[in-house]
Structure formats: structure tokens, C-alpha cells
């Protein structure tokens, strides 16, 4: 079966929580594509059930991770349907129609509501039949109809009657051998199908919504006469009774109430686990909301000719499965350990006396009976020599291409894993960002946070200047020593000028240097035109990346100049 949703699913995960967050993020992208002022998208349980949000059933994707494309197609269809229906004022039309078609019979009202909802589906199918969304809508409707199927030999329920009309009008499928109660209502609905489709030819939205409401009221008046012929609505003892699926669900709920205490406790525990899981998803979604730096970068780069580019920073979601290289990790550990010993050698020891606790000070014993302060403590004076190291790595499409030595991005990730594993026991702070262009936006993905390394998928162009400024802004100003390591295999081809980014780092006292990996002559000339000799080094192959990073860190962190600056 063909699927369409791979366009929306660039990131996937085998972990349950991460996959739920990734799916929700992709579905929100779908809603934003249809309309900027759309309803927010949530999983059921994250917010209250009301008409202000698009709520999706989390059970649709549970059990298999990553979620298959055919299942995700249905979710995209659901979001597209709700979004398009909102743009066409579906709720307004339904409310206005039901207000005009007031009926004392509750079951009759259920039939009318189901018919109006089906009519809106047919209208949307006709309105967007030439759009890509029609593919998702058809997938969603077919799935919904299959789940809510009912034996056609039984008398029609509100849902089954509406679905029979949907099947005919949308898919051209007419069910055979149906209960005779279907015949008259479906005949009426068929007579109005062409008129409903013709509503889409009206140019103004206000005209379309008013015309639909009038048409539904007319349909209802005719259906009311057809329903009056059914025995279930006639007031005599021998009337035939039948029930909708909702009634059957009610019966099952009553049976559930009669279960023993152990079963009830198990259900309560399951509900509590679901609530806790929804809370974790909501926390993860809130935590991973992208930060927009477009305005901040525009203000920082005071150049009217600088090409503005939307820039966002987001957190990675897919955990990297790359393991650190033992040799690389030991070399980085040796570097950080040497740096720590040098710092301690420069720290001055001071002695604090007349303390309430510590080591006994023989010269203060005469204070024992006076105030009891006869102790002293030796400490090291505060000395800020730690570094904030930030690696900003090119994750454009070229980094994902396969070469003789493997894919450059996978080799780079192994270097990141080795550096992080080595630096966890030391005082220096390490941040790692991947950057690329996606849909005209510079996307910065934070790969290391909460002591976990995440991954990214290389794609798009190379907005190096934009990424350097964004990374420099993320550096913690409390660190006196701040270093930015830029890694790329090509020249910048979008975003602000590289020279503006280098000037910004210089003005904010950020130690910037670049590593060019496997660059051709043109790329080398490009980078040498912007970076000074002490800010740039080239390596022939990405395999040499850990050696290059170690060499530059050693040069800067262990130099006497860096300690004097501290």
C-alpha cells in the first residue's frame, strides 16, 4: 500500500516517549502548513477535551516504534481534516443547523447530527479533491468507516446511516442487501449530493457556510418524514427497538462497573500510568519547543545589507546509538586532567581562622572558654579557569553522503561521544550543536543535554555564518573562557556573511576557530579569506577530526596566555 507521510517524518525513534513527541511535532507541522492560525494539536490526555484543540488518540500509534507510515498517514488525515474543517467553519454550520432543526426525540437528534457531520465530510472532499490533502483525507475516512462498520442487514444506527452515505458520495461504493430502513433516507440523501457538491462553486466563504446550513435544514425536514415511518419512532407497544454503537458501549461500561475490586484497581493503575505518560509527553514537548533567534541575530549584526534568515534552536529527540572510541576518550581525558592540574597549581591557598569547626588552631586555644572559635580551615582561592566549549557542526546534506571512509556525520558523532564521555568528570561545560538549512530556516539542533547525546539527520544547505552567531549567543557569559569550534566540509551558501559572524565572536570575546574537513581548493580559499591562520586548520579526511579537535583544545586550554587571561 502506498504511503505519503514520509515527507513529514524526517526524524524517527525506537523509544516510546521520543516517538510520541516526534509524531506530535510532525503533526503540528501539518496543521501549521494548512493554516498559521490553526487549532493546536495534542494527544488526548494532555489538555482538556474541548473544541479549542485537535485531539488525537495516542492508542493509534502504541505498540510499534518507530510508527509505520501507513498508520501515520491516518493521523495526518485526521489533522488535515480538522484543520480544513475549521477553515470552512464546520462547527458554526453544525451548530446553526441543529438549532434550526430542534427535536424532542434524542435519538432523532443523533441521526441528524451524524447526517450533518457526514455532509460536511462530503463537502470537504469535493472542495479539496484536487489538493494533496485529498489523499490523506481519503485514507482517514476509509479507516474511520472500517472501524465503525455495522451489519447492513440490521436496522440503521445514526453512525451506520451516515457512513453508508459517505461510502457512496466519497468512494462511490454502494452497499448491497441493506435493511429496508436504509432505502428511503439514502434516496433523499442521494438527491441532495450534487447540490452539496455545487456549494464549493460559491466564491465567498460566508456564502458557502450559509448555503450549507440552509441545505442541511432542507435535508432534515425531508428525513424527518422518512424517520416517522420507522417503527422505533412510533408510539405503540409492538414498536421495534434498536440501538446505536454508543448504547452498546454504555452496556459494556455497566458490565465493567460490576467487575471485582482487583480489576478496578488494575484499571485505575492503567489510567494513572496513562496520565503519568501524558505528563511526560507534555513536559518533553514544552522542553523541546524551538527558540527563535531571528530577531536577536538581526539586532546583533548591525549591517543593513546582511541577509536575514529565520533561525531556531531546538533540542534533539533521537538518542544517538554511537559509542565513544576508547583511545580518543583517553586522550581527551588526559587533556582535561592536565588542565585541571595546571589550574590547581595556580590557585593560591588561604587559611581561614577563628572558625566554629575545622582543624584545631593551637594559637587560638585561649578562645575555647570565650567564644569556642578555635578552629581553622585551609582552602583554595576561587580561580575561574574553566572553559565553556561549544562545538557547532555542519549537518548539511553533504555530511550524510557515503564516502570511502564511511559517512562523515557518523564519524563526527563518534568524536562527539568520545569528547563528552571524557569531559563528564571535569568542570568544563561542553555543548554540541548541529546546524543545517531546512525549508529556508537555519535549524540549530542541540545534541548534548541532560548527560545524553542525541543525533540529527544531515540535510539542506550550509548557513555557517548564521549558525556561528546563534552558537556564540548560546555561550554562558559567566564563563570567562569561551571557545567555539566550527566544523564543516564546505563553504557557506546561505545566511549571513561569514565575516559578520567572525566579527561578532571577536566583539564578544569568543575564541573561534574552524576545522575544514576534506575541503576542495575552492572551499579552502573561501575559508582562508575569512579566518586568520591561527583560527583555521584543514584535515584531509573526517577520520582525523578527533586529533584536530584535541590539538586545538590543547593549544588553547593549556597555553600560558589562557591562564593569564583568566
Protein backbone atom coordinates (compact mmCIF):
# COMPACT_ATOMS: atom_id res chain seq x y z
CA UNK A 1 0.00 0.00 0.00
CA UNK A 2 1.40 3.40 -0.97
CA UNK A 3 2.09 5.89 1.81
CA UNK A 4 2.51 9.65 1.73
CA UNK A 5 3.67 10.79 5.17
CA UNK A 6 7.42 10.25 4.76
CA UNK A 7 7.54 13.94 3.80
CA UNK A 8 6.55 14.89 7.36
CA UNK A 9 8.60 12.21 9.16
CA UNK A 10 12.27 13.18 8.87
CA UNK A 11 13.06 12.08 12.43
CA UNK A 12 12.02 8.76 13.96
CA UNK A 13 12.84 6.94 17.17
CA UNK A 14 12.55 3.42 18.56
CA UNK A 15 11.87 4.83 22.04
CA UNK A 16 8.23 5.25 23.03
CA UNK A 17 8.39 8.71 24.59
CA UNK A 18 10.64 10.19 21.91
CA UNK A 19 8.48 8.77 19.11
CA UNK A 20 5.31 10.25 20.61
CA UNK A 21 6.99 13.65 20.79
CA UNK A 22 8.36 13.36 17.24
CA UNK A 23 4.96 12.35 15.87
CA UNK A 24 3.27 15.23 17.64
CA UNK A 25 5.85 17.67 16.33
CA UNK A 26 5.36 16.43 12.75
CA UNK A 27 1.57 16.62 13.05
CA UNK A 28 1.80 20.17 14.33
CA UNK A 29 3.86 20.94 11.25
CA UNK A 30 0.97 19.61 9.15
CA UNK A 31 -1.52 21.88 10.91
CA UNK A 32 0.78 24.91 10.54
CA UNK A 33 1.18 24.20 6.82
CA UNK A 34 -2.58 24.37 6.31
CA UNK A 35 -3.11 27.50 8.40
CA UNK A 36 -0.93 29.62 10.69
CA UNK A 37 -3.92 30.35 12.95
CA UNK A 38 -4.96 26.74 13.35
CA UNK A 39 -6.01 24.85 16.44
CA UNK A 40 -3.13 23.41 18.48
CA UNK A 41 -2.56 19.65 18.18
CA UNK A 42 -2.32 17.42 21.27
CA UNK A 43 -2.57 13.79 22.28
CA UNK A 44 -5.72 13.07 24.27
CA UNK A 45 -4.96 13.47 27.94
CA UNK A 46 -2.52 16.36 27.52
CA UNK A 47 -5.27 19.00 27.71
CA UNK A 48 -8.99 19.11 28.42
CA UNK A 49 -11.37 17.74 25.80
CA UNK A 50 -12.95 20.68 24.03
CA UNK A 51 -13.31 22.22 20.57
CA UNK A 52 -10.32 24.53 21.04
CA UNK A 53 -7.77 21.82 20.17
CA UNK A 54 -7.22 18.97 17.74
CA UNK A 55 -7.03 15.87 19.94
CA UNK A 56 -5.53 12.61 18.68
CA UNK A 57 -5.86 9.15 20.21
CA UNK A 58 -2.48 8.01 21.47
CA UNK A 59 -3.60 4.38 21.12
CA UNK A 60 -3.36 4.80 17.34
CA UNK A 61 0.45 4.54 17.47
CA UNK A 62 1.16 2.49 20.58
CA UNK A 63 2.96 -0.81 20.33
CA UNK A 64 5.35 -0.40 17.38
CA UNK A 65 8.17 2.15 17.23
CA UNK A 66 9.00 3.89 15.02
CA UNK A 67 5.42 4.37 13.83
CA UNK A 68 4.74 2.93 10.38
CA UNK A 69 3.97 5.31 7.52
CA UNK A 70 0.52 3.88 6.82
CA UNK A 71 -0.56 4.49 10.42
CA UNK A 72 0.90 7.98 10.34
CA UNK A 73 -0.98 8.70 7.10
CA UNK A 74 -4.24 8.27 9.02
CA UNK A 75 -3.09 10.70 11.72
CA UNK A 76 -2.10 13.24 9.08
CA UNK A 77 -5.55 12.80 7.53
CA UNK A 78 -7.20 13.43 10.90
CA UNK A 79 -5.19 16.63 11.48
CA UNK A 80 -5.76 17.79 7.89
CA UNK A 81 -9.50 17.12 8.20
CA UNK A 82 -9.83 19.05 11.47
CA UNK A 83 -7.74 21.92 10.13
CA UNK A 84 -9.60 22.22 6.84
CA UNK A 85 -12.95 21.87 8.60
CA UNK A 86 -12.03 24.71 10.93
CA UNK A 87 -11.11 26.93 7.98
CA UNK A 88 -14.56 26.23 6.49
CA UNK A 89 -16.46 26.99 9.73
CA UNK A 90 -17.77 23.46 10.20
CA UNK A 91 -18.66 23.92 13.89
CA UNK A 92 -20.63 27.09 13.08
CA UNK A 93 -22.60 25.32 10.33
CA UNK A 94 -23.41 22.30 12.53
CA UNK A 95 -24.50 24.44 15.49
CA UNK A 96 -26.71 26.66 13.34
CA UNK A 97 -28.31 23.67 11.62
CA UNK A 98 -29.03 21.85 14.87
CA UNK A 99 -30.52 24.99 16.39
CA UNK A 100 -32.95 25.24 13.48
CA UNK A 101 -33.77 21.51 13.48
CA UNK A 102 -34.66 21.18 17.15
CA UNK A 103 -36.39 17.91 18.02
CA UNK A 104 -37.62 16.48 21.30
CA UNK A 105 -36.62 12.95 20.33
CA UNK A 106 -32.99 12.46 21.46
CA UNK A 107 -32.42 9.57 19.07
CA UNK A 108 -33.73 11.63 16.14
CA UNK A 109 -31.28 14.40 17.07
CA UNK A 110 -28.43 11.86 16.97
CA UNK A 111 -29.42 10.86 13.44
CA UNK A 112 -29.47 14.47 12.33
CA UNK A 113 -26.11 15.23 13.89
CA UNK A 114 -24.50 12.24 12.17
CA UNK A 115 -26.01 13.21 8.80
CA UNK A 116 -24.78 16.82 9.07
CA UNK A 117 -21.25 15.67 10.00
CA UNK A 118 -21.25 13.30 7.02
CA UNK A 119 -22.47 16.10 4.77
CA UNK A 120 -19.55 18.25 5.90
CA UNK A 121 -17.15 15.41 5.05
CA UNK A 122 -18.60 15.15 1.55
CA UNK A 123 -18.37 18.91 1.14
CA UNK A 124 -14.69 18.96 2.20
CA UNK A 125 -13.91 16.05 -0.11
CA UNK A 126 -15.36 17.97 -3.03
CA UNK A 127 -13.67 21.25 -2.05
CA UNK A 128 -10.18 19.76 -1.76
CA UNK A 129 -10.49 16.93 -4.30
CA UNK A 130 -7.65 18.36 -6.43
CA UNK A 131 -5.39 19.02 -3.42
CA UNK A 132 -2.73 16.75 -1.95
CA UNK A 133 -4.81 16.73 1.24
CA UNK A 134 -7.48 14.65 -0.51
CA UNK A 135 -5.10 11.65 -0.37
CA UNK A 136 -4.77 11.93 3.41
CA UNK A 137 -8.49 12.64 3.88
CA UNK A 138 -9.45 9.52 1.90
CA UNK A 139 -7.08 7.40 3.99
CA UNK A 140 -8.53 8.82 7.22
CA UNK A 141 -12.18 8.39 6.17
CA UNK A 142 -11.65 4.83 4.95
CA UNK A 143 -10.00 3.89 8.24
CA UNK A 144 -12.83 5.51 10.20
CA UNK A 145 -15.51 3.74 8.14
CA UNK A 146 -13.84 0.36 8.56
CA UNK A 147 -13.63 0.77 12.33
CA UNK A 148 -17.31 1.78 12.63
CA UNK A 149 -18.77 -0.86 10.33
CA UNK A 150 -22.16 -2.39 11.13
CA UNK A 151 -24.04 -5.32 9.67
CA UNK A 152 -26.18 -3.74 6.88
CA UNK A 153 -28.92 -6.31 7.50
CA UNK A 154 -29.61 -4.69 10.86
CA UNK A 155 -31.70 -1.51 11.16
CA UNK A 156 -29.54 1.60 10.65
CA UNK A 157 -27.98 3.40 13.55
CA UNK A 158 -27.13 7.13 13.26
CA UNK A 159 -23.49 6.27 12.54
CA UNK A 160 -24.16 3.48 10.04
CA UNK A 161 -26.67 5.56 8.05
CA UNK A 162 -24.19 8.46 7.79
CA UNK A 163 -21.39 6.07 6.82
CA UNK A 164 -23.50 4.50 4.07
CA UNK A 165 -23.90 7.97 2.56
CA UNK A 166 -20.16 8.65 2.92
CA UNK A 167 -19.26 5.44 1.14
CA UNK A 168 -21.47 6.31 -1.82
CA UNK A 169 -20.58 10.02 -2.13
CA UNK A 170 -16.84 9.83 -1.42
CA UNK A 171 -15.76 6.38 -2.60
CA UNK A 172 -18.59 5.52 -5.00
CA UNK A 173 -19.34 2.30 -3.09
CA UNK A 174 -22.99 1.31 -2.65
CA UNK A 175 -23.72 -1.38 -0.08
CA UNK A 176 -25.99 -4.19 -1.23
CA UNK A 177 -28.62 -6.14 0.73
CA UNK A 178 -29.32 -3.46 3.29
CA UNK A 179 -32.13 -3.30 5.80
CA UNK A 180 -35.19 -1.67 4.25
CA UNK A 181 -34.99 1.24 6.72
CA UNK A 182 -31.92 2.49 4.79
CA UNK A 183 -33.68 2.84 1.44
CA UNK A 184 -35.86 5.93 1.88
CA UNK A 185 -33.30 8.10 3.81
CA UNK A 186 -30.49 7.22 1.37
CA UNK A 187 -32.72 8.07 -1.57
CA UNK A 188 -33.26 11.52 -0.08
CA UNK A 189 -29.56 11.99 0.61
CA UNK A 190 -28.60 10.95 -2.93
CA UNK A 191 -30.94 13.61 -4.33
CA UNK A 192 -29.04 16.32 -2.41
CA UNK A 193 -25.48 15.07 -3.03
CA UNK A 194 -25.00 17.02 -6.26
CA UNK A 195 -26.43 20.16 -4.68
CA UNK A 196 -23.99 19.83 -1.78
CA UNK A 197 -21.08 19.44 -4.18
CA UNK A 198 -22.21 22.54 -6.08
CA UNK A 199 -21.77 24.68 -2.94
CA UNK A 200 -18.00 24.67 -3.48
CA UNK A 201 -18.50 26.82 -6.60
CA UNK A 202 -19.52 29.79 -4.45
CA UNK A 203 -16.54 32.14 -4.17
CA UNK A 204 -17.17 33.66 -0.74
CA UNK A 205 -16.75 31.62 2.43
CA UNK A 206 -19.71 33.37 4.06
CA UNK A 207 -21.93 32.32 1.14
CA UNK A 208 -20.76 28.73 1.35
CA UNK A 209 -21.42 28.35 5.04
CA UNK A 210 -24.90 29.94 4.87
CA UNK A 211 -25.83 27.84 1.84
CA UNK A 212 -24.73 24.64 3.58
CA UNK A 213 -26.78 25.45 6.66
CA UNK A 214 -29.88 26.09 4.51
CA UNK A 215 -29.34 22.88 2.56
CA UNK A 216 -28.94 20.77 5.71
CA UNK A 217 -32.15 22.20 7.16
CA UNK A 218 -33.97 21.22 3.97
CA UNK A 219 -32.49 17.71 4.11
CA UNK A 220 -33.57 17.37 7.70
CA UNK A 221 -37.20 18.26 7.00
CA UNK A 222 -37.36 15.51 4.39
CA UNK A 223 -35.55 12.97 6.56
CA UNK A 224 -37.89 13.63 9.46
CA UNK A 225 -40.77 12.36 7.34
CA UNK A 226 -38.78 9.24 6.44
CA UNK A 227 -37.90 8.55 10.08
CA UNK A 228 -41.56 8.88 11.07
CA UNK A 229 -42.23 5.69 9.08
CA UNK A 230 -39.84 3.69 11.27
CA UNK A 231 -41.40 1.58 13.98
CA UNK A 232 -38.87 2.69 16.56
CA UNK A 233 -40.34 6.21 16.49
CA UNK A 234 -43.99 5.14 16.55
CA UNK A 235 -45.89 5.14 19.82
CA UNK A 236 -47.37 1.65 20.09
CA UNK A 237 -46.37 -1.41 22.14
CA UNK A 238 -45.14 -3.54 19.25
CA UNK A 239 -42.56 -0.98 18.05
CA UNK A 240 -39.17 -2.41 17.06
CA UNK A 241 -36.22 -1.12 19.15
CA UNK A 242 -32.59 -0.95 18.00
CA UNK A 243 -29.54 0.75 19.37
CA UNK A 244 -26.57 2.76 18.24
CA UNK A 245 -22.99 1.76 18.95
CA UNK A 246 -22.96 4.27 21.79
CA UNK A 247 -25.69 2.29 23.54
CA UNK A 248 -23.62 -0.86 23.24
CA UNK A 249 -20.66 0.99 24.69
CA UNK A 250 -22.86 2.05 27.56
CA UNK A 251 -23.74 -1.59 28.22
CA UNK A 252 -20.07 -2.51 28.27
CA UNK A 253 -19.43 0.28 30.77
CA UNK A 254 -22.17 -1.12 33.03
CA UNK A 255 -20.56 -4.54 32.82
CA UNK A 256 -17.19 -3.00 33.71
CA UNK A 257 -18.76 -1.46 36.82
CA UNK A 258 -19.63 -4.95 38.02
CA UNK A 259 -16.09 -6.25 37.90
CA UNK A 260 -14.36 -7.23 41.11
CA UNK A 261 -12.13 -4.90 43.12
CA UNK A 262 -8.91 -6.31 41.68
CA UNK A 263 -9.99 -5.49 38.13
CA UNK A 264 -11.00 -1.98 39.13
CA UNK A 265 -7.65 -1.40 40.80
CA UNK A 266 -5.87 -2.63 37.68
CA UNK A 267 -7.88 -0.21 35.55
CA UNK A 268 -7.13 2.65 37.93
CA UNK A 269 -3.42 1.81 37.81
CA UNK A 270 -3.53 1.75 34.00
CA UNK A 271 -5.27 5.15 33.94
CA UNK A 272 -2.67 6.54 36.34
CA UNK A 273 0.14 5.22 34.10
CA UNK A 274 -1.53 6.84 31.09
CA UNK A 275 -1.83 10.16 32.95
CA UNK A 276 1.82 10.00 34.01
CA UNK A 277 2.84 9.17 30.44
CA UNK A 278 0.84 12.13 29.09
CA UNK A 279 2.51 14.39 31.65
CA UNK A 280 5.92 13.15 30.48
CA UNK A 281 4.99 13.83 26.85
CA UNK A 282 3.74 17.31 27.70
CA UNK A 283 6.91 18.06 29.66
CA UNK A 284 9.07 16.81 26.77
CA UNK A 285 7.10 18.81 24.19
CA UNK A 286 7.29 22.01 26.26
CA UNK A 287 11.01 21.43 26.82
CA UNK A 288 11.66 20.94 23.10
CA UNK A 289 9.86 23.99 21.79
CA UNK A 290 12.23 25.68 19.32
CA UNK A 291 13.69 29.04 20.37
CA UNK A 292 13.53 31.69 17.66
CA UNK A 293 16.77 33.71 17.44
CA UNK A 294 15.96 35.52 14.19
CA UNK A 295 15.27 38.87 15.83
CA UNK A 296 18.24 38.60 18.23
CA UNK A 297 20.67 37.86 15.39
CA UNK A 298 19.31 40.74 13.32
CA UNK A 299 19.92 43.13 16.22
CA UNK A 300 23.39 41.72 16.93
CA UNK A 301 24.54 42.04 13.31
CA UNK A 302 24.35 45.75 12.69
CA UNK A 303 24.62 45.56 8.93
CA UNK A 304 21.69 46.71 6.76
CA UNK A 305 22.92 44.55 3.89
CA UNK A 306 23.01 41.34 5.95
CA UNK A 307 20.58 38.80 4.52
CA UNK A 308 18.13 37.91 7.28
CA UNK A 309 17.38 34.22 7.71
CA UNK A 310 14.97 32.69 10.18
CA UNK A 311 16.98 30.85 12.83
CA UNK A 312 15.68 28.46 15.50
CA UNK A 313 17.35 26.34 18.18
CA UNK A 314 15.69 23.08 19.16
CA UNK A 315 16.62 20.05 21.26
CA UNK A 316 17.46 16.74 19.67
CA UNK A 317 14.95 13.96 20.22
CA UNK A 318 16.52 10.79 18.81
CA UNK A 319 19.19 9.39 21.15
CA UNK A 320 22.44 8.59 19.38
CA UNK A 321 23.50 4.94 19.47
CA UNK A 322 27.13 5.76 18.61
CA UNK A 323 29.64 4.50 21.19
CA UNK A 324 32.76 6.51 22.13
CA UNK A 325 36.16 5.44 20.88
CA UNK A 326 38.26 4.31 23.86
CA UNK A 327 41.56 5.70 22.56
CA UNK A 328 40.02 9.07 21.69
CA UNK A 329 38.27 9.26 25.06
CA UNK A 330 41.50 8.59 26.99
CA UNK A 331 43.34 11.29 25.04
CA UNK A 332 40.61 13.83 25.82
CA UNK A 333 40.63 12.76 29.48
CA UNK A 334 44.38 13.31 29.62
CA UNK A 335 43.90 16.79 28.20
CA UNK A 336 41.22 17.76 30.73
CA UNK A 337 43.20 16.22 33.60
CA UNK A 338 46.32 18.21 32.67
CA UNK A 339 44.21 21.35 32.50
CA UNK A 340 42.82 20.70 35.97
CA UNK A 341 46.31 20.16 37.47
CA UNK A 342 47.52 23.42 35.96
CA UNK A 343 44.55 25.25 37.43
CA UNK A 344 45.20 23.87 40.89
CA UNK A 345 48.85 24.83 40.64
CA UNK A 346 47.85 28.43 40.01
CA UNK A 347 45.27 28.59 42.78
CA UNK A 348 46.51 30.22 46.00
CA UNK A 349 45.93 28.53 49.34
CA UNK A 350 44.38 30.68 52.03
CA UNK A 351 43.76 29.92 55.72
CA UNK A 352 40.57 30.99 57.43
CA UNK A 353 40.89 31.24 61.23
CA UNK A 354 38.59 31.64 64.22
CA UNK A 355 36.00 29.18 62.82
CA UNK A 356 33.36 27.18 64.68
CA UNK A 357 34.58 23.95 63.06
CA UNK A 358 37.50 22.59 61.10
CA UNK A 359 41.07 21.77 62.20
CA UNK A 360 42.16 22.87 65.70
CA UNK A 361 44.27 26.01 65.67
CA UNK A 362 46.82 25.84 68.51
CA UNK A 363 47.22 29.62 68.52
CA UNK A 364 43.52 30.12 69.29
CA UNK A 365 43.08 27.70 72.21
CA UNK A 366 42.67 30.60 74.62
CA UNK A 367 39.36 31.33 72.89
CA UNK A 368 37.90 28.00 73.99
CA UNK A 369 36.17 29.49 77.03
CA UNK A 370 35.34 32.79 75.36
CA UNK A 371 33.54 32.03 72.06
CA UNK A 372 34.64 28.49 71.15
CA UNK A 373 36.15 29.62 67.85
CA UNK A 374 39.38 27.66 67.99
CA UNK A 375 39.42 26.10 64.52
CA UNK A 376 40.93 26.93 61.15
CA UNK A 377 40.48 25.69 57.58
CA UNK A 378 42.78 25.80 54.56
CA UNK A 379 41.06 26.50 51.23
CA UNK A 380 41.95 27.35 47.69
CA UNK A 381 41.06 30.81 46.48
CA UNK A 382 38.43 30.97 43.74
CA UNK A 383 40.06 30.89 40.33
CA UNK A 384 37.90 30.85 37.23
CA UNK A 385 39.94 28.85 34.74
CA UNK A 386 37.21 26.53 33.44
CA UNK A 387 36.03 26.68 29.82
CA UNK A 388 32.71 26.70 28.05
CA UNK A 389 33.42 24.65 24.92
CA UNK A 390 30.82 24.73 22.17
CA UNK A 391 31.08 22.64 19.02
CA UNK A 392 28.89 23.74 16.12
CA UNK A 393 28.96 21.11 13.38
CA UNK A 394 27.81 21.32 9.79
CA UNK A 395 24.92 18.85 9.31
CA UNK A 396 24.10 19.74 5.73
CA UNK A 397 23.33 17.10 3.10
CA UNK A 398 27.00 16.64 2.16
CA UNK A 399 27.81 15.36 5.67
CA UNK A 400 25.37 12.48 5.21
CA UNK A 401 26.76 11.22 1.90
CA UNK A 402 28.66 7.95 1.92
CA UNK A 403 32.40 8.15 1.23
CA UNK A 404 35.26 5.66 1.17
CA UNK A 405 35.79 6.05 4.91
CA UNK A 406 32.07 5.92 5.76
CA UNK A 407 29.52 8.65 6.32
CA UNK A 408 31.19 11.83 7.67
CA UNK A 409 28.36 12.52 10.11
CA UNK A 410 28.67 9.11 11.80
CA UNK A 411 32.42 9.61 12.27
CA UNK A 412 31.81 13.10 13.68
CA UNK A 413 29.24 11.68 16.13
CA UNK A 414 31.79 9.18 17.43
CA UNK A 415 34.16 12.07 18.11
CA UNK A 416 31.41 13.93 19.98
CA UNK A 417 30.66 10.83 22.06
CA UNK A 418 34.34 10.44 22.98
CA UNK A 419 34.68 14.11 23.95
CA UNK A 420 31.54 14.04 26.10
CA UNK A 421 32.48 10.82 27.87
CA UNK A 422 35.89 12.26 28.70
CA UNK A 423 34.57 15.60 29.93
CA UNK A 424 31.82 14.43 32.28
CA UNK A 425 34.16 14.29 35.32
CA UNK A 426 35.61 17.76 34.84
CA UNK A 427 34.43 21.28 35.49
CA UNK A 428 34.35 22.46 31.88
CA UNK A 429 31.00 22.80 30.16
CA UNK A 430 30.54 21.19 26.74
CA UNK A 431 27.75 21.98 24.26
CA UNK A 432 27.31 20.44 20.82
CA UNK A 433 25.05 21.80 18.07
CA UNK A 434 24.30 20.52 14.58
CA UNK A 435 23.10 23.03 12.00
CA UNK A 436 21.55 22.90 8.55
CA UNK A 437 19.05 24.71 6.36
CA UNK A 438 15.52 23.26 6.27
CA UNK A 439 12.83 24.98 4.25
CA UNK A 440 14.68 28.29 4.23
CA UNK A 441 15.24 28.19 8.00
CA UNK A 442 18.57 27.76 9.78
CA UNK A 443 17.87 24.93 12.23
CA UNK A 444 20.24 24.52 15.18
CA UNK A 445 19.81 21.19 16.97
CA UNK A 446 21.24 20.81 20.47
CA UNK A 447 22.77 17.34 20.53
CA UNK A 448 24.02 17.13 24.12
CA UNK A 449 21.89 17.87 27.18
CA UNK A 450 20.87 16.04 30.38
CA UNK A 451 24.09 13.98 30.02
CA UNK A 452 22.73 12.36 26.86
CA UNK A 453 23.96 12.58 23.27
CA UNK A 454 21.32 12.89 20.56
CA UNK A 455 21.59 12.63 16.80
CA UNK A 456 20.44 14.61 13.76
CA UNK A 457 19.82 13.80 10.10
CA UNK A 458 22.05 15.76 7.70
CA UNK A 459 20.08 17.67 5.07
CA UNK A 460 19.77 21.01 3.30
CA UNK A 461 22.31 23.75 2.67
CA UNK A 462 25.06 25.27 4.83
CA UNK A 463 24.20 28.52 6.71
CA UNK A 464 27.56 28.65 8.56
CA UNK A 465 27.56 32.35 9.42
CA UNK A 466 24.04 32.15 10.83
CA UNK A 467 24.93 29.09 12.93
CA UNK A 468 28.14 30.62 14.33
CA UNK A 469 26.30 33.70 15.60
CA UNK A 470 23.49 31.59 17.08
CA UNK A 471 26.00 29.32 18.85
CA UNK A 472 28.00 32.29 20.14
CA UNK A 473 24.81 33.75 21.62
CA UNK A 474 24.14 30.49 23.46
CA UNK A 475 27.50 30.60 25.31
CA UNK A 476 27.28 31.24 29.04
CA UNK A 477 28.63 34.70 29.85
CA UNK A 478 29.55 33.54 33.38
CA UNK A 479 32.49 31.65 31.89
CA UNK A 480 35.47 33.87 31.34
CA UNK A 481 36.92 31.40 28.83
CA UNK A 482 34.55 30.62 25.96
CA UNK A 483 35.53 28.63 22.90
CA UNK A 484 33.57 27.96 19.72
CA UNK A 485 34.69 25.13 17.42
CA UNK A 486 33.19 25.25 13.92
CA UNK A 487 33.35 22.03 11.87
CA UNK A 488 32.39 21.98 8.20
CA UNK A 489 33.21 20.21 4.96
CA UNK A 490 32.10 23.02 2.66
CA UNK A 491 31.63 26.75 2.19
CA UNK A 492 28.63 28.66 3.49
CA UNK A 493 25.96 29.04 0.82
CA UNK A 494 23.13 30.80 2.65
CA UNK A 495 22.53 33.01 5.68
CA UNK A 496 24.57 35.99 6.83
CA UNK A 497 28.10 36.62 5.64
CA UNK A 498 30.82 34.61 7.41
CA UNK A 499 32.84 37.76 8.04
CA UNK A 500 29.98 39.27 10.06
CA UNK A 501 29.85 36.15 12.22
CA UNK A 502 33.61 36.24 12.88
CA UNK A 503 33.39 39.94 13.81
CA UNK A 504 30.58 39.19 16.25
CA UNK A 505 32.65 36.49 18.01
CA UNK A 506 35.61 38.87 18.23
CA UNK A 507 33.45 41.63 19.74
CA UNK A 508 32.02 39.27 22.38
CA UNK A 509 35.38 37.71 23.36
CA UNK A 510 34.54 34.28 21.98
CA UNK A 511 37.59 32.24 20.92
CA UNK A 512 36.52 30.96 17.50
CA UNK A 513 38.39 28.53 15.30
CA UNK A 514 37.31 26.39 12.35
CA UNK A 515 38.19 22.90 11.16
CA UNK A 516 37.78 22.24 7.44
CA UNK A 517 37.24 18.55 6.69
CA UNK A 518 38.21 17.25 3.26
CA UNK A 519 37.77 20.65 1.63
CA UNK A 520 38.47 21.24 -2.04
CA UNK A 521 40.59 24.14 -3.31
CA UNK A 522 37.62 26.48 -3.69
CA UNK A 523 36.39 25.80 -0.16
CA UNK A 524 39.88 26.31 1.28
CA UNK A 525 40.18 29.64 -0.50
CA UNK A 526 36.75 30.63 0.82
CA UNK A 527 37.59 29.83 4.46
CA UNK A 528 41.09 31.35 4.29
CA UNK A 529 39.50 34.55 3.06
CA UNK A 530 37.68 34.94 6.39
CA UNK A 531 39.65 33.13 9.11
CA UNK A 532 43.13 34.13 10.26
CA UNK A 533 45.86 31.48 10.24
CA UNK A 534 45.51 30.87 14.00
CA UNK A 535 41.76 30.37 13.65
CA UNK A 536 41.74 27.74 10.92
CA UNK A 537 43.09 24.27 10.25
CA UNK A 538 42.40 21.75 7.49
CA UNK A 539 42.28 17.97 7.65
CA UNK A 540 42.29 15.73 4.61
CA UNK A 541 39.75 13.29 5.98
CA UNK A 542 36.99 13.34 8.60
CA UNK A 543 38.77 10.43 10.34
CA UNK A 544 41.36 12.95 11.59
CA UNK A 545 38.68 15.08 13.28
CA UNK A 546 39.34 13.93 16.90
CA UNK A 547 43.06 14.62 16.52
CA UNK A 548 42.34 18.09 15.15
CA UNK A 549 39.91 18.94 17.96
CA UNK A 550 42.31 17.65 20.62
CA UNK A 551 45.17 19.67 19.16
CA UNK A 552 43.20 22.91 19.10
CA UNK A 553 41.82 22.36 22.64
CA UNK A 554 45.30 21.60 23.95
CA UNK A 555 46.74 24.66 22.24
CA UNK A 556 44.16 26.99 23.75
CA UNK A 557 43.38 25.47 27.15
CA UNK A 558 46.97 24.71 28.21
CA UNK A 559 48.67 27.83 26.91
CA UNK A 560 50.07 30.35 29.40
CA UNK A 561 48.12 33.08 27.63
CA UNK A 562 44.80 31.46 28.54
CA UNK A 563 45.72 31.25 32.25
CA UNK A 564 46.93 34.85 32.31
CA UNK A 565 43.61 35.89 30.75
CA UNK A 566 41.74 34.03 33.45
